[in-house]
C-alpha cells in the first residue's frame, strides 16, 4: 500500500510504503523510487534511516540490523562506502573507510576485551602496515598479508614491544594473528555483517512498486456491459457520474430498487438526463474500437543485440554521473566550467571499484564533458535528476532506430520517449564544446528557443583488446507527447535531393518527409506567429555567428480529424483543445492549409494554397545544429555547384544558408487571420 504524494502517475514527494511482509518505508520518493531522506523498517525489525537514491541507500545513513549490529556512515549504491563506524553485537567496533561493503583502506578495530588494531585493510582483512596493541600494553608493529592458499592473515617483518617497557624484539612471544583470525571468523558468521542490499534488492520486484510504476491500461467494456448500461440509462441521474452507474448495476436488487425509485415517475428532467447519458455512451462506444497498441519506433536493445553492452555501459555511466552530484544551486557559471579540458574520466571494472558498482558488462572507461555545465542545463530545462535517471537507466531498455542517419550516427530512444541519444563524431563534439558558452547564454536568455536541448555529453571507451571510443550526446525528444504524430517534415529551404525516396504506399507516420514533399502551409494564430518569427531570427543569428549550417526545422503534425468524432457536434474531441501551449513549438493548436504544386512557379518548394484547412496540433524545433562550415562542406559546395544550381544545394556558406532558411520558413509558416 502507498499513501502520499504523486507526480505524473508515480509516487513522488513525501509518502509511506507498506508491504504485506510488514516492512515499511516512510520518507521522500521520486518517480516511484525511494529517493531522498527516509526510514525503512524491515520485516525482521532491521531499520535504516538516512539518504536514498533510486531505491539504494546512498549518502549518510544508519543501519540497525536485526541481529544487533549497527553501522553508521556513508553508503553508495546500497553498500557501505566511505567513512563509517560498525559496531558488532559482540562489542567489537570498526572505525574507518569502506569500499563496496567491506572494510577497505585505513581503519581501526577495537575488540570488546580491549585489544586494538590500527592500520590498512583490504577486502575486510588487514593488509600492509599496521599496529596491534594488546589490552595489557604489549604492541606489535609490522606488515600484514594473506596466505594465497589458505587465506589466513599473517604478520611479518615487524617488531614487538612488551608491556613491561623492555627492549623491542624481532617477533612477539605471542601471535597477534590469533586475535585477528578469531575476529575474522566471527565476522564471517555474523548475520547481517555485509550490506545485504535489503530493501533495494527487493524493490524492483515488489508488487506494490510494480503497480505504481506501470501506467493503468484502459480496456473497453464488453458489448453486453455497454448494452446493459445503455438500457439502464433511463434510470440514472447524472451524465458525469459514471461510477454511480457502475455501482448501481453491481448493487443488490433492494439497493437498485431504492436507487431507481425516484426516477420511475418519468419526469421530463429525468428523461432528458437519461437521453444525455445514452448519447454519452453512444459517443463512447463509437470510440471503443478494439485496437492494438501502436508499435513504438525502433528496435528494443535486449540481450544478444550487438549494442547491448554499449547500452549497459551508457546506463552505468549516466547513473554514476547523475547520482554522485547534487543539483547546482545557481545558474551562474564561471568560464572555467566551459573549458574543453574540463572532463572527468572514470574506470568501470566488472568487479567494481571504490567509486563504481560491479556489473556484467565489459571493462570500460567513462568520460563526462563539462559536467557542471550540463548539470546546470538540466536544472535550467527543469529536468528532475531522478526522472532523468529513471528514463535512461530504469528497468526498460533503450530502443535503436532502424537505420543510422545520413551522417552515420546512430539514434537511441528511451522507453518513455523523453530523450534521444545520438552517437557523435569527434568533430561534432568539438563544435558543441566550442559553442557551449554561447549556447548556454542563449538558452538561458530565451525561454522559447527552438534549438535542440542538450542534457549531457559523454564518451565510452572500451578497454582491453578492442580499443573503441563511442561519443554521444543526450537530447530532448521533440515528439514526446500523448499526441500521435501523423506526419513529420525536415525542412531546410534547399531543393536538391530534398524529397523522400519512399513510394507513396510505404510512407507512414515514422517517415521523415522533406522540403519537396511539403503539401501544407502552417498557420499560427494569435501572437504566436510574431513570437515564432522573432525566435527563429534570434536562433538563426546565433547559428550564423557560430558558423553553423545544414540545420533544419523538424515539424510534427497531429491531425485532429483522425480522433474520435463527437456525435453531438461533429467536432474532434480533445481535452486540451482550448489549452494554450506552454511553450513555443510544443503542442500548438493550429491549422494547416493544403497546397498544390504549380508547374509554372519559379520556386518548386511551396505550392499554391487551396483554401482547404485542417485542424492540427503542431510540434517544431531546430535540429542538427552541430555542423560547421568546415573544409569537407566547402569541398561539397564546390563540387555540387558544378552539377546543380548553387542556390539549391544544402552546403552553402552559413550567412547564405541562414538567409535562405529564414526566407523559406517564413513562407511555410504564416499568420492565421
Foldseek 3Di string as FASTA:
>chain_A
DKDDDDDPLFDAQWIKDAAPLGKIKTGGDDLLFQAAWIKIADSLGKIKTGGDARNAQAAFIKIQDSQGKIKGGGDHRQWFAAWIKIAAPQGKIKTGGDFRFEQAAWIKIAHPQGKIKTDGDDRNAAAAWIKIADNLGKIKTAGWDADPVPRQIAGDQIWIQDSVRDDIDRDDPDGPSVVRVVVVVCLVPRPPSTRPSPPSVVQVPRPVSVVSNDDDDDADDDPVVLVVLLVCLLQDDAQPPVVVSVCLVPDDPVVVCVSRVVRPVPDPNSNVRSVSNNLVSVLVVLQNDDDDPDDDAFAFDDPPDPCNLVLVVVLQQLCLLLVVDDQDPDLDDDPVLLPQVPKDKDWQPQCGDSRGHHDDHHTKIKMFGSSNLLSSLCVLVVHDSSVVSCQRNNPGTWGWHPDDDPVRWTWIAGPLRFKIKIWDDPLLVVLCSVCVVVVSVVCNVDVQAQAWRWRTWMWMFGDDPDTDITIMTMTTRLPNDPFQFWAKEWEQLFAVVQADPDDPVPDTSPDYHYQLPDFKFWAAEDCLVVVVLVNLVVVLVSLLVSQWFPKTKMKTKGFQVVARANPPPRGRDDPCQPPDDPHRQHFHWTKIFGFDADPPDPDSGYHHTDPDMTTITMHIGIYPSRHHLDPVLVVVLVVVVVVDPSLRDRSDGSVSSSVSRSVVSPRRYDHDD
